[in-house]
PDB file of all heavy atoms in Angstrom:
ATOM      1  N   PHE A   1      -1.436 -15.937 -39.392  1.00  0.00           N
ATOM      2  CA  PHE A   1      -1.960 -15.058 -40.374  1.00  0.00           C
ATOM      3  C   PHE A   1      -1.116 -13.736 -40.630  1.00  0.00           C
ATOM      4  O   PHE A   1      -1.016 -13.236 -41.525  1.00  0.00           O
ATOM      5  CB  PHE A   1      -3.337 -14.748 -40.132  1.00  0.00           C
ATOM      6  CG  PHE A   1      -4.325 -15.951 -40.453  1.00  0.00           C
ATOM      7  CD1 PHE A   1      -5.069 -16.525 -39.587  1.00  0.00           C
ATOM      8  CD2 PHE A   1      -4.382 -16.160 -41.877  1.00  0.00           C
ATOM      9  CE1 PHE A   1      -5.840 -17.626 -39.974  1.00  0.00           C
ATOM     10  CE2 PHE A   1      -5.219 -17.295 -42.295  1.00  0.00           C
ATOM     11  CZ  PHE A   1      -5.970 -17.966 -41.231  1.00  0.00           C
ATOM     12  N   ALA A   2      -0.524 -13.316 -39.408  1.00  0.00           N
ATOM     13  CA  ALA A   2       0.312 -12.003 -39.366  1.00  0.00           C
ATOM     14  C   ALA A   2       1.496 -12.430 -40.295  1.00  0.00           C
ATOM     15  O   ALA A   2       2.022 -11.569 -41.087  1.00  0.00           O
ATOM     16  CB  ALA A   2       0.604 -11.571 -38.039  1.00  0.00           C
ATOM     17  N   CYS A   3       2.072 -13.597 -40.059  1.00  0.00           N
ATOM     18  CA  CYS A   3       3.218 -13.967 -40.889  1.00  0.00           C
ATOM     19  C   CYS A   3       2.905 -14.158 -42.248  1.00  0.00           C
ATOM     20  O   CYS A   3       3.654 -13.727 -43.139  1.00  0.00           O
ATOM     21  CB  CYS A   3       3.715 -15.323 -40.246  1.00  0.00           C
ATOM     22  SG  CYS A   3       5.247 -16.000 -40.961  1.00  0.00           S
ATOM     23  N   VAL A   4       1.821 -14.772 -42.664  1.00  0.00           N
ATOM     24  CA  VAL A   4       1.500 -14.969 -44.061  1.00  0.00           C
ATOM     25  C   VAL A   4       1.164 -13.579 -44.721  1.00  0.00           C
ATOM     26  O   VAL A   4       1.702 -13.221 -45.900  1.00  0.00           O
ATOM     27  CB  VAL A   4       0.148 -15.839 -44.223  1.00  0.00           C
ATOM     28  CG1 VAL A   4      -0.303 -15.725 -45.466  1.00  0.00           C
ATOM     29  CG2 VAL A   4       0.473 -17.220 -43.754  1.00  0.00           C
ATOM     30  N   THR A   5       0.552 -12.584 -43.966  1.00  0.00           N
ATOM     31  CA  THR A   5       0.372 -11.321 -44.553  1.00  0.00           C
ATOM     32  C   THR A   5       1.767 -10.714 -44.812  1.00  0.00           C
ATOM     33  O   THR A   5       1.941 -10.073 -45.873  1.00  0.00           O
ATOM     34  CB  THR A   5      -0.360 -10.490 -43.462  1.00  0.00           C
ATOM     35  OG1 THR A   5      -1.631 -11.057 -43.164  1.00  0.00           O
ATOM     36  CG2 THR A   5      -0.655  -9.014 -44.034  1.00  0.00           C
ATOM     37  N   ALA A   6       2.769 -10.829 -43.938  1.00  0.00           N
ATOM     38  CA  ALA A   6       4.125 -10.355 -44.083  1.00  0.00           C
ATOM     39  C   ALA A   6       4.602 -10.896 -45.318  1.00  0.00           C
ATOM     40  O   ALA A   6       5.375 -10.277 -46.138  1.00  0.00           O
ATOM     41  CB  ALA A   6       4.949 -10.482 -42.870  1.00  0.00           C
ATOM     42  N   CYS A   7       4.527 -12.235 -45.529  1.00  0.00           N
ATOM     43  CA  CYS A   7       4.977 -12.920 -46.662  1.00  0.00           C
ATOM     44  C   CYS A   7       4.475 -12.414 -47.997  1.00  0.00           C
ATOM     45  O   CYS A   7       5.222 -11.996 -48.982  1.00  0.00           O
ATOM     46  CB  CYS A   7       4.585 -14.442 -46.682  1.00  0.00           C
ATOM     47  SG  CYS A   7       5.410 -15.458 -45.515  1.00  0.00           S
ATOM     48  N   SER A   8       3.133 -12.044 -48.029  1.00  0.00           N
ATOM     49  CA  SER A   8       2.490 -11.398 -49.221  1.00  0.00           C
ATOM     50  C   SER A   8       3.130 -10.058 -49.490  1.00  0.00           C
ATOM     51  O   SER A   8       3.242  -9.601 -50.648  1.00  0.00           O
ATOM     52  CB  SER A   8       1.088 -11.398 -49.122  1.00  0.00           C
ATOM     53  OG  SER A   8       0.718 -10.482 -48.091  1.00  0.00           O
ATOM     54  N   LEU A   9       3.435  -9.307 -48.491  1.00  0.00           N
ATOM     55  CA  LEU A   9       3.971  -8.031 -48.679  1.00  0.00           C
ATOM     56  C   LEU A   9       5.478  -8.126 -49.108  1.00  0.00           C
ATOM     57  O   LEU A   9       5.929  -7.346 -49.727  1.00  0.00           O
ATOM     58  CB  LEU A   9       3.948  -7.176 -47.306  1.00  0.00           C
ATOM     59  CG  LEU A   9       2.532  -6.800 -46.770  1.00  0.00           C
ATOM     60  CD1 LEU A   9       2.536  -6.255 -45.427  1.00  0.00           C
ATOM     61  CD2 LEU A   9       1.839  -5.950 -47.747  1.00  0.00           C
ATOM     62  N   ASP A  10       6.254  -9.069 -48.526  1.00  0.00           N
ATOM     63  CA  ASP A  10       7.609  -9.328 -49.009  1.00  0.00           C
ATOM     64  C   ASP A  10       7.747  -9.957 -50.418  1.00  0.00           C
ATOM     65  O   ASP A  10       8.769  -9.926 -50.895  1.00  0.00           O
ATOM     66  CB  ASP A  10       8.276 -10.195 -47.925  1.00  0.00           C
ATOM     67  CG  ASP A  10       8.526  -9.490 -46.581  1.00  0.00           C
ATOM     68  OD1 ASP A  10       8.326  -8.264 -46.545  1.00  0.00           O
ATOM     69  OD2 ASP A  10       8.840 -10.088 -45.779  1.00  0.00           O
ATOM     70  N   ASP A  11       6.608 -10.572 -50.887  1.00  0.00           N
ATOM     71  CA  ASP A  11       6.668 -11.163 -52.154  1.00  0.00           C
ATOM     72  C   ASP A  11       7.620 -12.353 -52.281  1.00  0.00           C
ATOM     73  O   ASP A  11       8.257 -12.614 -53.317  1.00  0.00           O
ATOM     74  CB  ASP A  11       6.851 -10.140 -53.266  1.00  0.00           C
ATOM     75  CG  ASP A  11       6.444 -10.715 -54.757  1.00  0.00           C
ATOM     76  OD1 ASP A  11       5.568 -11.479 -54.656  1.00  0.00           O
ATOM     77  OD2 ASP A  11       7.164 -10.369 -55.638  1.00  0.00           O
ATOM     78  N   GLU A  12       7.626 -13.028 -51.068  1.00  0.00           N
ATOM     79  CA  GLU A  12       8.652 -14.285 -51.074  1.00  0.00           C
ATOM     80  C   GLU A  12       7.881 -15.572 -51.441  1.00  0.00           C
ATOM     81  O   GLU A  12       8.407 -16.501 -51.794  1.00  0.00           O
ATOM     82  CB  GLU A  12       9.268 -14.425 -49.719  1.00  0.00           C
ATOM     83  CG  GLU A  12      10.168 -13.505 -49.335  1.00  0.00           C
ATOM     84  CD  GLU A  12      10.824 -13.719 -48.033  1.00  0.00           C
ATOM     85  OE1 GLU A  12      11.064 -14.845 -47.556  1.00  0.00           O
ATOM     86  OE2 GLU A  12      11.044 -12.816 -47.323  1.00  0.00           O
ATOM     87  N   GLY A  13       6.552 -15.528 -51.473  1.00  0.00           N
ATOM     88  CA  GLY A  13       5.704 -16.625 -52.018  1.00  0.00           C
ATOM     89  C   GLY A  13       5.609 -17.833 -51.033  1.00  0.00           C
ATOM     90  O   GLY A  13       5.572 -17.716 -49.860  1.00  0.00           O
ATOM     91  N   VAL A  14       5.617 -19.042 -51.733  1.00  0.00           N
ATOM     92  CA  VAL A  14       5.356 -20.241 -51.016  1.00  0.00           C
ATOM     93  C   VAL A  14       6.393 -20.599 -50.005  1.00  0.00           C
ATOM     94  O   VAL A  14       6.061 -21.128 -48.827  1.00  0.00           O
ATOM     95  CB  VAL A  14       5.234 -21.440 -51.995  1.00  0.00           C
ATOM     96  CG1 VAL A  14       5.113 -22.941 -51.388  1.00  0.00           C
ATOM     97  CG2 VAL A  14       4.093 -21.182 -53.010  1.00  0.00           C
ATOM     98  N   GLU A  15       7.650 -20.390 -50.084  1.00  0.00           N
ATOM     99  CA  GLU A  15       8.655 -20.598 -49.195  1.00  0.00           C
ATOM    100  C   GLU A  15       8.384 -19.837 -47.849  1.00  0.00           C
ATOM    101  O   GLU A  15       8.581 -20.552 -46.855  1.00  0.00           O
ATOM    102  CB  GLU A  15       9.984 -20.335 -49.652  1.00  0.00           C
ATOM    103  CG  GLU A  15      10.501 -21.284 -50.842  1.00  0.00           C
ATOM    104  CD  GLU A  15      11.880 -20.820 -51.494  1.00  0.00           C
ATOM    105  OE1 GLU A  15      12.595 -20.098 -50.715  1.00  0.00           O
ATOM    106  OE2 GLU A  15      12.247 -21.441 -52.454  1.00  0.00           O
ATOM    107  N   CYS A  16       8.082 -18.648 -48.026  1.00  0.00           N
ATOM    108  CA  CYS A  16       7.804 -17.869 -46.799  1.00  0.00           C
ATOM    109  C   CYS A  16       6.573 -18.387 -46.106  1.00  0.00           C
ATOM    110  O   CYS A  16       6.511 -18.489 -44.849  1.00  0.00           O
ATOM    111  CB  CYS A  16       7.610 -16.443 -47.177  1.00  0.00           C
ATOM    112  SG  CYS A  16       7.355 -15.355 -45.806  1.00  0.00           S
ATOM    113  N   THR A  17       5.508 -18.840 -46.734  1.00  0.00           N
ATOM    114  CA  THR A  17       4.298 -19.319 -46.283  1.00  0.00           C
ATOM    115  C   THR A  17       4.494 -20.601 -45.491  1.00  0.00           C
ATOM    116  O   THR A  17       4.069 -20.825 -44.487  1.00  0.00           O
ATOM    117  CB  THR A  17       3.226 -19.406 -47.243  1.00  0.00           C
ATOM    118  OG1 THR A  17       3.005 -18.222 -47.849  1.00  0.00           O
ATOM    119  CG2 THR A  17       1.856 -19.899 -46.637  1.00  0.00           C
ATOM    120  N   THR A  18       5.376 -21.497 -46.063  1.00  0.00           N
ATOM    121  CA  THR A  18       5.788 -22.675 -45.387  1.00  0.00           C
ATOM    122  C   THR A  18       6.508 -22.487 -44.218  1.00  0.00           C
ATOM    123  O   THR A  18       6.304 -23.195 -43.118  1.00  0.00           O
ATOM    124  CB  THR A  18       6.647 -23.456 -46.476  1.00  0.00           C
ATOM    125  OG1 THR A  18       5.910 -23.797 -47.673  1.00  0.00           O
ATOM    126  CG2 THR A  18       7.005 -24.924 -45.902  1.00  0.00           C
ATOM    127  N   ARG A  19       7.332 -21.511 -44.028  1.00  0.00           N
ATOM    128  CA  ARG A  19       8.164 -21.169 -42.926  1.00  0.00           C
ATOM    129  C   ARG A  19       7.001 -20.734 -41.868  1.00  0.00           C
ATOM    130  O   ARG A  19       7.144 -21.148 -40.621  1.00  0.00           O
ATOM    131  CB  ARG A  19       9.138 -20.069 -43.112  1.00  0.00           C
ATOM    132  CG  ARG A  19      10.356 -20.571 -43.599  1.00  0.00           C
ATOM    133  CD  ARG A  19      11.509 -19.539 -43.454  1.00  0.00           C
ATOM    134  NE  ARG A  19      11.160 -18.237 -43.738  1.00  0.00           N
ATOM    135  CZ  ARG A  19      11.421 -17.757 -45.006  1.00  0.00           C
ATOM    136  NH1 ARG A  19      11.861 -18.559 -46.031  1.00  0.00           N
ATOM    137  NH2 ARG A  19      11.066 -16.501 -45.358  1.00  0.00           N
ATOM    138  N   CYS A  20       6.000 -20.020 -42.218  1.00  0.00           N
ATOM    139  CA  CYS A  20       4.944 -19.563 -41.199  1.00  0.00           C
ATOM    140  C   CYS A  20       4.274 -20.760 -40.601  1.00  0.00           C
ATOM    141  O   CYS A  20       4.027 -20.821 -39.451  1.00  0.00           O
ATOM    142  CB  CYS A  20       3.964 -18.785 -41.922  1.00  0.00           C
ATOM    143  SG  CYS A  20       4.592 -17.227 -42.399  1.00  0.00           S
ATOM    144  N   VAL A  21       4.018 -21.717 -41.443  1.00  0.00           N
ATOM    145  CA  VAL A  21       3.271 -22.981 -41.033  1.00  0.00           C
ATOM    146  C   VAL A  21       4.201 -23.789 -40.078  1.00  0.00           C
ATOM    147  O   VAL A  21       3.721 -24.058 -39.019  1.00  0.00           O
ATOM    148  CB  VAL A  21       2.815 -23.946 -42.263  1.00  0.00           C
ATOM    149  CG1 VAL A  21       2.397 -25.315 -41.645  1.00  0.00           C
ATOM    150  CG2 VAL A  21       1.837 -23.246 -43.051  1.00  0.00           C
ATOM    151  N   GLU A  22       5.443 -23.905 -40.386  1.00  0.00           N
ATOM    152  CA  GLU A  22       6.389 -24.734 -39.596  1.00  0.00           C
ATOM    153  C   GLU A  22       6.559 -23.908 -38.238  1.00  0.00           C
ATOM    154  O   GLU A  22       6.546 -24.542 -37.256  1.00  0.00           O
ATOM    155  CB  GLU A  22       7.675 -24.803 -40.247  1.00  0.00           C
ATOM    156  CG  GLU A  22       7.628 -25.780 -41.436  1.00  0.00           C
ATOM    157  CD  GLU A  22       8.955 -25.739 -42.289  1.00  0.00           C
ATOM    158  OE1 GLU A  22       9.826 -24.886 -41.987  1.00  0.00           O
ATOM    159  OE2 GLU A  22       9.097 -26.554 -43.147  1.00  0.00           O
ATOM    160  N   VAL A  23       6.622 -22.630 -38.222  1.00  0.00           N
ATOM    161  CA  VAL A  23       6.897 -21.898 -37.041  1.00  0.00           C
ATOM    162  C   VAL A  23       5.647 -21.864 -36.096  1.00  0.00           C
ATOM    163  O   VAL A  23       5.628 -21.915 -35.008  1.00  0.00           O
ATOM    164  CB  VAL A  23       7.457 -20.482 -37.184  1.00  0.00           C
ATOM    165  CG1 VAL A  23       7.518 -19.608 -36.068  1.00  0.00           C
ATOM    166  CG2 VAL A  23       8.781 -20.531 -37.937  1.00  0.00           C
ATOM    167  N   HIS A  24       4.509 -21.566 -36.706  1.00  0.00           N
ATOM    168  CA  HIS A  24       3.329 -21.117 -35.939  1.00  0.00           C
ATOM    169  C   HIS A  24       2.330 -22.177 -35.707  1.00  0.00           C
ATOM    170  O   HIS A  24       1.524 -22.182 -34.789  1.00  0.00           O
ATOM    171  CB  HIS A  24       2.641 -19.894 -36.596  1.00  0.00           C
ATOM    172  CG  HIS A  24       3.605 -18.702 -36.519  1.00  0.00           C
ATOM    173  ND1 HIS A  24       4.093 -18.009 -35.227  1.00  0.00           N
ATOM    174  CD2 HIS A  24       4.203 -18.033 -37.448  1.00  0.00           C
ATOM    175  CE1 HIS A  24       4.676 -17.014 -35.669  1.00  0.00           C
ATOM    176  NE2 HIS A  24       4.902 -16.995 -36.970  1.00  0.00           N
ATOM    177  N   LEU A  25       2.217 -23.111 -36.661  1.00  0.00           N
ATOM    178  CA  LEU A  25       1.049 -24.145 -36.489  1.00  0.00           C
ATOM    179  C   LEU A  25       1.594 -25.528 -36.278  1.00  0.00           C
ATOM    180  O   LEU A  25       0.773 -26.248 -35.631  1.00  0.00           O
ATOM    181  CB  LEU A  25       0.483 -24.204 -37.836  1.00  0.00           C
ATOM    182  CG  LEU A  25      -0.292 -22.842 -38.265  1.00  0.00           C
ATOM    183  CD1 LEU A  25      -1.144 -23.112 -39.576  1.00  0.00           C
ATOM    184  CD2 LEU A  25      -1.236 -22.403 -37.153  1.00  0.00           C
ATOM    185  N   LYS A  26       2.830 -25.912 -36.350  1.00  0.00           N
ATOM    186  CA  LYS A  26       3.378 -27.137 -35.878  1.00  0.00           C
ATOM    187  C   LYS A  26       3.705 -27.147 -34.330  1.00  0.00           C
ATOM    188  O   LYS A  26       4.456 -26.257 -33.993  1.00  0.00           O
ATOM    189  CB  LYS A  26       4.509 -27.568 -36.764  1.00  0.00           C
ATOM    190  CG  LYS A  26       4.187 -27.916 -38.129  1.00  0.00           C
ATOM    191  CD  LYS A  26       5.408 -28.558 -38.841  1.00  0.00           C
ATOM    192  CE  LYS A  26       5.059 -28.970 -40.252  1.00  0.00           C
ATOM    193  NZ  LYS A  26       6.272 -29.554 -40.953  1.00  0.00           N
ATOM    194  N   ASN A  27       3.059 -28.012 -33.657  1.00  0.00           N
ATOM    195  CA  ASN A  27       3.275 -28.141 -32.247  1.00  0.00           C
ATOM    196  C   ASN A  27       4.447 -29.105 -32.007  1.00  0.00           C
ATOM    197  O   ASN A  27       4.445 -30.302 -32.080  1.00  0.00           O
ATOM    198  CB  ASN A  27       2.002 -28.650 -31.519  1.00  0.00           C
ATOM    199  CG  ASN A  27       2.159 -28.445 -29.973  1.00  0.00           C
ATOM    200  OD1 ASN A  27       3.134 -28.005 -29.541  1.00  0.00           O
ATOM    201  ND2 ASN A  27       1.109 -28.902 -29.397  1.00  0.00           N
TER     202      ASN A  27
END
């Protein structure tokens, strides 16, 4: 969620959010 919040502040959109999922939620 901290990563997604940073994405919304950076205005990078879906690509940034996808990176957050890959980094933080995939085991």
